[in-house]
Amino acid sequence: MDKIRKNIAVIEPSKILYEGLFASILKSEYDYSFYYFDSLNEMELFYSKNEISIVLINPGLVQNRLNEFVKIKNQNPEILWIGIVYSFFDNSTLKLFDDTFSIIDDISIIIRKINKLCNINNANSHENGQLSERETDVLHFIAKGLSNKETAEKLNISIHTVNTHRKNIMEKTGIRSLAGLTIYAVSKGIISID
């Protein structure tokens, strides 16, 4: 596959978190350049001389500076913003980002989100929103009210695998609540109302 160069800025106080993201994403088949910044101001100075495609940023750095953040976003509409979430943030703050991911997300989910925002297609992924057969199986049991552990036992897979499938289902459908997933499963004929 041809490599596509994308410049990713990471604005995060934790150097360890940056190093982990850098090492993990660098292993992907895509050609990313990484830049580390401590603050939005530092990134703005750099951006005036270089092109940034995506900014991965700790929402805590903008939480008390929302007006300034919105102004920077409006001045640079070509930059995509992804929040690195590892604590509670108000929904109004998280809605300012093009997307978010949790630091406990599998690296494949993080890469898929980056690629989706950059319109990079991966032949091995189901970016068209179609659930895989296994994801449909997981959704079937979750929508019927089974816990992740019970679903794992029914499908003879690990709880970690169930969690990964569940995250993929939420990513593909855009639905985050159990009630919403249940309605989706009913509407798609994955489960019936009995």
C-alpha atoms as a PDB file:
ATOM      1  CA  MET A   1       0.000   0.000   0.000  1.00  0.00           C
ATOM      2  CA  ASP A   2       1.256   3.453  -0.828  1.00  0.00           C
ATOM      3  CA  LYS A   3       2.228   5.467   2.179  1.00  0.00           C
ATOM      4  CA  ILE A   4       0.546   8.806   2.700  1.00  0.00           C
ATOM      5  CA  ARG A   5       2.390  11.342   4.835  1.00  0.00           C
ATOM      6  CA  LYS A   6       0.339  13.038   7.498  1.00  0.00           C
ATOM      7  CA  ASN A   7       1.761  15.378  10.113  1.00  0.00           C
ATOM      8  CA  ILE A   8       0.380  14.714  13.572  1.00  0.00           C
ATOM      9  CA  ALA A   9       0.871  17.131  16.436  1.00  0.00           C
ATOM     10  CA  VAL A  10       0.485  15.753  19.946  1.00  0.00           C
ATOM     11  CA  ILE A  11      -0.276  18.319  22.636  1.00  0.00           C
ATOM     12  CA  GLU A  12      -0.074  16.462  25.909  1.00  0.00           C
ATOM     13  CA  PRO A  13       1.760  17.212  29.157  1.00  0.00           C
ATOM     14  CA  SER A  14       2.653  13.537  29.673  1.00  0.00           C
ATOM     15  CA  LYS A  15       5.779  12.695  27.698  1.00  0.00           C
ATOM     16  CA  ILE A  16       5.179   9.011  28.514  1.00  0.00           C
ATOM     17  CA  LEU A  17       1.739   9.106  26.899  1.00  0.00           C
ATOM     18  CA  TYR A  18       3.210  10.823  23.843  1.00  0.00           C
ATOM     19  CA  GLU A  19       5.979   8.206  23.554  1.00  0.00           C
ATOM     20  CA  GLY A  20       3.411   5.402  23.803  1.00  0.00           C
ATOM     21  CA  LEU A  21       1.199   6.890  21.100  1.00  0.00           C
ATOM     22  CA  PHE A  22       4.200   7.624  18.915  1.00  0.00           C
ATOM     23  CA  ALA A  23       5.625   4.095  19.212  1.00  0.00           C
ATOM     24  CA  SER A  24       2.251   2.416  18.670  1.00  0.00           C
ATOM     25  CA  ILE A  25       1.029   4.496  15.736  1.00  0.00           C
ATOM     26  CA  LEU A  26       4.443   4.441  14.080  1.00  0.00           C
ATOM     27  CA  LYS A  27       4.069   0.661  13.684  1.00  0.00           C
ATOM     28  CA  SER A  28       1.092   1.147  11.359  1.00  0.00           C
ATOM     29  CA  GLU A  29       1.401   0.939   7.606  1.00  0.00           C
ATOM     30  CA  TYR A  30       0.818   4.665   7.227  1.00  0.00           C
ATOM     31  CA  ASP A  31       3.457   7.347   7.011  1.00  0.00           C
ATOM     32  CA  TYR A  32       2.999   9.756   9.889  1.00  0.00           C
ATOM     33  CA  SER A  33       5.317  12.469  11.127  1.00  0.00           C
ATOM     34  CA  PHE A  34       4.955  13.309  14.798  1.00  0.00           C
ATOM     35  CA  TYR A  35       5.525  16.571  16.612  1.00  0.00           C
ATOM     36  CA  TYR A  36       5.298  16.982  20.362  1.00  0.00           C
ATOM     37  CA  PHE A  37       4.134  20.200  22.012  1.00  0.00           C
ATOM     38  CA  ASP A  38       3.472  21.187  25.598  1.00  0.00           C
ATOM     39  CA  SER A  39       0.846  23.804  24.751  1.00  0.00           C
ATOM     40  CA  LEU A  40      -1.429  25.197  22.046  1.00  0.00           C
ATOM     41  CA  ASN A  41       0.746  28.316  21.827  1.00  0.00           C
ATOM     42  CA  GLU A  42       3.837  26.262  21.048  1.00  0.00           C
ATOM     43  CA  MET A  43       1.950  24.389  18.300  1.00  0.00           C
ATOM     44  CA  GLU A  44       0.665  27.649  16.790  1.00  0.00           C
ATOM     45  CA  LEU A  45       4.223  28.945  16.385  1.00  0.00           C
ATOM     46  CA  PHE A  46       5.251  25.734  14.672  1.00  0.00           C
ATOM     47  CA  TYR A  47       2.147  25.616  12.480  1.00  0.00           C
ATOM     48  CA  SER A  48       2.885  28.965  10.902  1.00  0.00           C
ATOM     49  CA  LYS A  49       5.931  27.322   9.276  1.00  0.00           C
ATOM     50  CA  ASN A  50       4.677  23.734   8.781  1.00  0.00           C
ATOM     51  CA  GLU A  51       1.523  21.890   7.850  1.00  0.00           C
ATOM     52  CA  ILE A  52      -0.303  19.915  10.546  1.00  0.00           C
ATOM     53  CA  SER A  53      -3.027  17.455   9.494  1.00  0.00           C
ATOM     54  CA  ILE A  54      -4.227  16.262  12.877  1.00  0.00           C
ATOM     55  CA  VAL A  55      -3.797  17.376  16.464  1.00  0.00           C
ATOM     56  CA  LEU A  56      -4.112  14.808  19.238  1.00  0.00           C
ATOM     57  CA  ILE A  57      -4.721  16.866  22.360  1.00  0.00           C
ATOM     58  CA  ASN A  58      -5.532  16.408  26.013  1.00  0.00           C
ATOM     59  CA  PRO A  59      -8.934  18.135  26.486  1.00  0.00           C
ATOM     60  CA  GLY A  60      -7.728  19.362  29.867  1.00  0.00           C
ATOM     61  CA  LEU A  61      -5.460  21.803  28.037  1.00  0.00           C
ATOM     62  CA  VAL A  62      -8.454  23.572  26.485  1.00  0.00           C
ATOM     63  CA  GLN A  63     -11.090  23.056  29.163  1.00  0.00           C
ATOM     64  CA  ASN A  64     -10.510  26.468  30.759  1.00  0.00           C
ATOM     65  CA  ARG A  65      -9.576  28.154  27.468  1.00  0.00           C
ATOM     66  CA  LEU A  66     -12.541  27.196  25.292  1.00  0.00           C
ATOM     67  CA  ASN A  67     -12.883  30.562  23.539  1.00  0.00           C
ATOM     68  CA  GLU A  68      -9.201  30.569  22.605  1.00  0.00           C
ATOM     69  CA  PHE A  69      -9.458  26.961  21.391  1.00  0.00           C
ATOM     70  CA  VAL A  70     -12.511  27.703  19.229  1.00  0.00           C
ATOM     71  CA  LYS A  71     -10.697  30.720  17.753  1.00  0.00           C
ATOM     72  CA  ILE A  72      -7.659  28.564  16.856  1.00  0.00           C
ATOM     73  CA  LYS A  73      -9.939  25.933  15.303  1.00  0.00           C
ATOM     74  CA  ASN A  74     -11.765  28.569  13.246  1.00  0.00           C
ATOM     75  CA  GLN A  75      -8.491  30.095  12.033  1.00  0.00           C
ATOM     76  CA  ASN A  76      -7.203  26.641  10.989  1.00  0.00           C
ATOM     77  CA  PRO A  77     -10.217  24.744   9.592  1.00  0.00           C
ATOM     78  CA  GLU A  78      -7.978  22.284   7.739  1.00  0.00           C
ATOM     79  CA  ILE A  79      -6.666  20.838  11.021  1.00  0.00           C
ATOM     80  CA  LEU A  80      -8.572  17.933  12.541  1.00  0.00           C
ATOM     81  CA  TRP A  81      -8.703  17.740  16.343  1.00  0.00           C
ATOM     82  CA  ILE A  82      -8.872  14.493  18.326  1.00  0.00           C
ATOM     83  CA  GLY A  83      -9.202  14.553  22.105  1.00  0.00           C
ATOM     84  CA  ILE A  84      -7.084  12.123  24.163  1.00  0.00           C
ATOM     85  CA  VAL A  85      -9.469  11.238  26.967  1.00  0.00           C
ATOM     86  CA  TYR A  86      -8.317   9.667  30.210  1.00  0.00           C
ATOM     87  CA  SER A  87     -10.488  11.392  32.745  1.00  0.00           C
ATOM     88  CA  PHE A  88     -13.966  12.907  32.894  1.00  0.00           C
ATOM     89  CA  PHE A  89     -14.650  15.893  30.670  1.00  0.00           C
ATOM     90  CA  ASP A  90     -17.887  17.765  30.148  1.00  0.00           C
ATOM     91  CA  ASN A  91     -19.724  16.797  26.931  1.00  0.00           C
ATOM     92  CA  SER A  92     -19.733  20.431  25.800  1.00  0.00           C
ATOM     93  CA  THR A  93     -15.927  20.331  25.820  1.00  0.00           C
ATOM     94  CA  LEU A  94     -15.695  16.966  24.019  1.00  0.00           C
ATOM     95  CA  LYS A  95     -18.129  18.131  21.298  1.00  0.00           C
ATOM     96  CA  LEU A  96     -15.572  20.720  20.200  1.00  0.00           C
ATOM     97  CA  PHE A  97     -13.321  17.940  18.875  1.00  0.00           C
ATOM     98  CA  ASP A  98     -13.698  16.166  15.539  1.00  0.00           C
ATOM     99  CA  ASP A  99     -13.341  12.891  17.447  1.00  0.00           C
ATOM    100  CA  THR A 100     -11.999  11.489  20.710  1.00  0.00           C
ATOM    101  CA  PHE A 101     -10.367   8.317  21.916  1.00  0.00           C
ATOM    102  CA  SER A 102      -9.655   6.862  25.306  1.00  0.00           C
ATOM    103  CA  ILE A 103      -6.128   5.921  26.263  1.00  0.00           C
ATOM    104  CA  ILE A 104      -7.434   2.430  27.011  1.00  0.00           C
ATOM    105  CA  ASP A 105      -8.656   2.009  23.418  1.00  0.00           C
ATOM    106  CA  ASP A 106      -6.882  -0.557  21.291  1.00  0.00           C
ATOM    107  CA  ILE A 107      -4.316   1.067  18.995  1.00  0.00           C
ATOM    108  CA  SER A 108      -6.211  -0.235  15.934  1.00  0.00           C
ATOM    109  CA  ILE A 109      -9.236   1.847  16.992  1.00  0.00           C
ATOM    110  CA  ILE A 110      -7.073   4.948  17.393  1.00  0.00           C
ATOM    111  CA  ILE A 111      -5.452   4.434  13.987  1.00  0.00           C
ATOM    112  CA  ARG A 112      -8.854   3.805  12.407  1.00  0.00           C
ATOM    113  CA  LYS A 113     -10.148   7.105  13.829  1.00  0.00           C
ATOM    114  CA  ILE A 114      -7.111   8.990  12.528  1.00  0.00           C
ATOM    115  CA  ASN A 115      -7.443   7.373   9.108  1.00  0.00           C
ATOM    116  CA  LYS A 116     -11.182   7.993   8.985  1.00  0.00           C
ATOM    117  CA  LEU A 117     -10.687  11.689   9.661  1.00  0.00           C
ATOM    118  CA  CYS A 118      -7.929  11.842   7.049  1.00  0.00           C
ATOM    119  CA  ASN A 119     -10.039   9.870   4.551  1.00  0.00           C
ATOM    120  CA  ILE A 120      -7.416   7.143   4.364  1.00  0.00           C
ATOM    121  CA  ASN A 121      -8.919   3.789   3.498  1.00  0.00           C
ATOM    122  CA  ASN A 122      -7.560   0.564   4.874  1.00  0.00           C
ATOM    123  CA  ALA A 123      -8.462  -2.464   2.783  1.00  0.00           C
ATOM    124  CA  ASN A 124      -8.510  -4.630   5.897  1.00  0.00           C
ATOM    125  CA  SER A 125     -11.018  -2.507   7.808  1.00  0.00           C
ATOM    126  CA  HIS A 126     -14.771  -2.183   7.539  1.00  0.00           C
ATOM    127  CA  GLU A 127     -14.852   1.604   7.203  1.00  0.00           C
ATOM    128  CA  ASN A 128     -18.124   1.388   5.305  1.00  0.00           C
ATOM    129  CA  GLY A 129     -19.950   0.955   8.606  1.00  0.00           C
ATOM    130  CA  GLN A 130     -20.834  -2.682   7.987  1.00  0.00           C
ATOM    131  CA  LEU A 131     -20.549  -4.828  11.078  1.00  0.00           C
ATOM    132  CA  SER A 132     -18.488  -7.975  10.717  1.00  0.00           C
ATOM    133  CA  GLU A 133     -20.140 -11.318  11.412  1.00  0.00           C
ATOM    134  CA  ARG A 134     -18.479 -11.532  14.841  1.00  0.00           C
ATOM    135  CA  GLU A 135     -19.463  -7.940  15.696  1.00  0.00           C
ATOM    136  CA  THR A 136     -23.048  -8.835  14.791  1.00  0.00           C
ATOM    137  CA  ASP A 137     -22.832 -11.864  17.120  1.00  0.00           C
ATOM    138  CA  VAL A 138     -21.512  -9.676  19.950  1.00  0.00           C
ATOM    139  CA  LEU A 139     -24.205  -7.052  19.340  1.00  0.00           C
ATOM    140  CA  HIS A 140     -26.864  -9.789  19.403  1.00  0.00           C
ATOM    141  CA  PHE A 141     -25.928 -10.861  22.925  1.00  0.00           C
ATOM    142  CA  ILE A 142     -25.268  -7.353  24.253  1.00  0.00           C
ATOM    143  CA  ALA A 143     -28.638  -6.140  22.959  1.00  0.00           C
ATOM    144  CA  LYS A 144     -30.296  -9.100  24.683  1.00  0.00           C
ATOM    145  CA  GLY A 145     -28.886  -7.800  27.963  1.00  0.00           C
ATOM    146  CA  LEU A 146     -25.948 -10.165  28.442  1.00  0.00           C
ATOM    147  CA  SER A 147     -22.861  -8.787  30.171  1.00  0.00           C
ATOM    148  CA  ASN A 148     -19.497  -8.715  28.429  1.00  0.00           C
ATOM    149  CA  LYS A 149     -18.463 -11.757  30.467  1.00  0.00           C
ATOM    150  CA  GLU A 150     -21.608 -13.699  29.517  1.00  0.00           C
ATOM    151  CA  THR A 151     -21.167 -12.706  25.860  1.00  0.00           C
ATOM    152  CA  ALA A 152     -17.543 -13.888  25.967  1.00  0.00           C
ATOM    153  CA  GLU A 153     -18.639 -17.238  27.407  1.00  0.00           C
ATOM    154  CA  LYS A 154     -21.402 -17.682  24.795  1.00  0.00           C
ATOM    155  CA  LEU A 155     -19.034 -16.933  21.915  1.00  0.00           C
ATOM    156  CA  ASN A 156     -16.033 -18.683  23.489  1.00  0.00           C
ATOM    157  CA  ILE A 157     -13.841 -15.580  23.231  1.00  0.00           C
ATOM    158  CA  SER A 158     -12.074 -13.405  25.796  1.00  0.00           C
ATOM    159  CA  ILE A 159     -13.717 -10.465  27.553  1.00  0.00           C
ATOM    160  CA  HIS A 160     -11.002  -8.254  26.009  1.00  0.00           C
ATOM    161  CA  THR A 161     -12.113  -9.398  22.542  1.00  0.00           C
ATOM    162  CA  VAL A 162     -15.747  -8.633  23.418  1.00  0.00           C
ATOM    163  CA  ASN A 163     -14.699  -5.156  24.573  1.00  0.00           C
ATOM    164  CA  THR A 164     -12.800  -4.582  21.322  1.00  0.00           C
ATOM    165  CA  HIS A 165     -15.790  -5.714  19.234  1.00  0.00           C
ATOM    166  CA  ARG A 166     -18.097  -3.542  21.322  1.00  0.00           C
ATOM    167  CA  LYS A 167     -15.877  -0.491  20.737  1.00  0.00           C
ATOM    168  CA  ASN A 168     -15.785  -1.270  17.011  1.00  0.00           C
ATOM    169  CA  ILE A 169     -19.586  -1.555  16.959  1.00  0.00           C
ATOM    170  CA  MET A 170     -19.922   1.823  18.679  1.00  0.00           C
ATOM    171  CA  GLU A 171     -17.390   3.347  16.294  1.00  0.00           C
ATOM    172  CA  LYS A 172     -19.140   2.021  13.182  1.00  0.00           C
ATOM    173  CA  THR A 173     -22.683   2.810  14.283  1.00  0.00           C
ATOM    174  CA  GLY A 174     -21.915   6.036  16.139  1.00  0.00           C
ATOM    175  CA  ILE A 175     -24.123   4.781  18.978  1.00  0.00           C
ATOM    176  CA  ARG A 176     -22.711   4.918  22.520  1.00  0.00           C
ATOM    177  CA  SER A 177     -25.578   3.762  24.767  1.00  0.00           C
ATOM    178  CA  LEU A 178     -26.861   0.247  25.412  1.00  0.00           C
ATOM    179  CA  ALA A 179     -30.419   1.407  24.711  1.00  0.00           C
ATOM    180  CA  GLY A 180     -29.315   2.889  21.390  1.00  0.00           C
ATOM    181  CA  LEU A 181     -27.447  -0.289  20.429  1.00  0.00           C
ATOM    182  CA  THR A 182     -30.535  -2.343  21.307  1.00  0.00           C
ATOM    183  CA  ILE A 183     -32.745  -0.171  19.091  1.00  0.00           C
ATOM    184  CA  TYR A 184     -30.146  -0.456  16.307  1.00  0.00           C
ATOM    185  CA  ALA A 185     -30.085  -4.268  16.684  1.00  0.00           C
ATOM    186  CA  VAL A 186     -33.887  -4.422  16.485  1.00  0.00           C
ATOM    187  CA  SER A 187     -34.008  -2.116  13.446  1.00  0.00           C
ATOM    188  CA  LYS A 188     -31.416  -4.230  11.622  1.00  0.00           C
ATOM    189  CA  GLY A 189     -33.138  -7.520  12.493  1.00  0.00           C
ATOM    190  CA  ILE A 190     -30.226  -8.701  14.649  1.00  0.00           C
ATOM    191  CA  ILE A 191     -32.672  -9.346  17.491  1.00  0.00           C
ATOM    192  CA  SER A 192     -36.451  -9.450  17.550  1.00  0.00           C
ATOM    193  CA  ILE A 193     -38.809  -7.913  20.055  1.00  0.00           C
ATOM    194  CA  ASP A 194     -40.271 -10.785  22.043  1.00  0.00           C
END
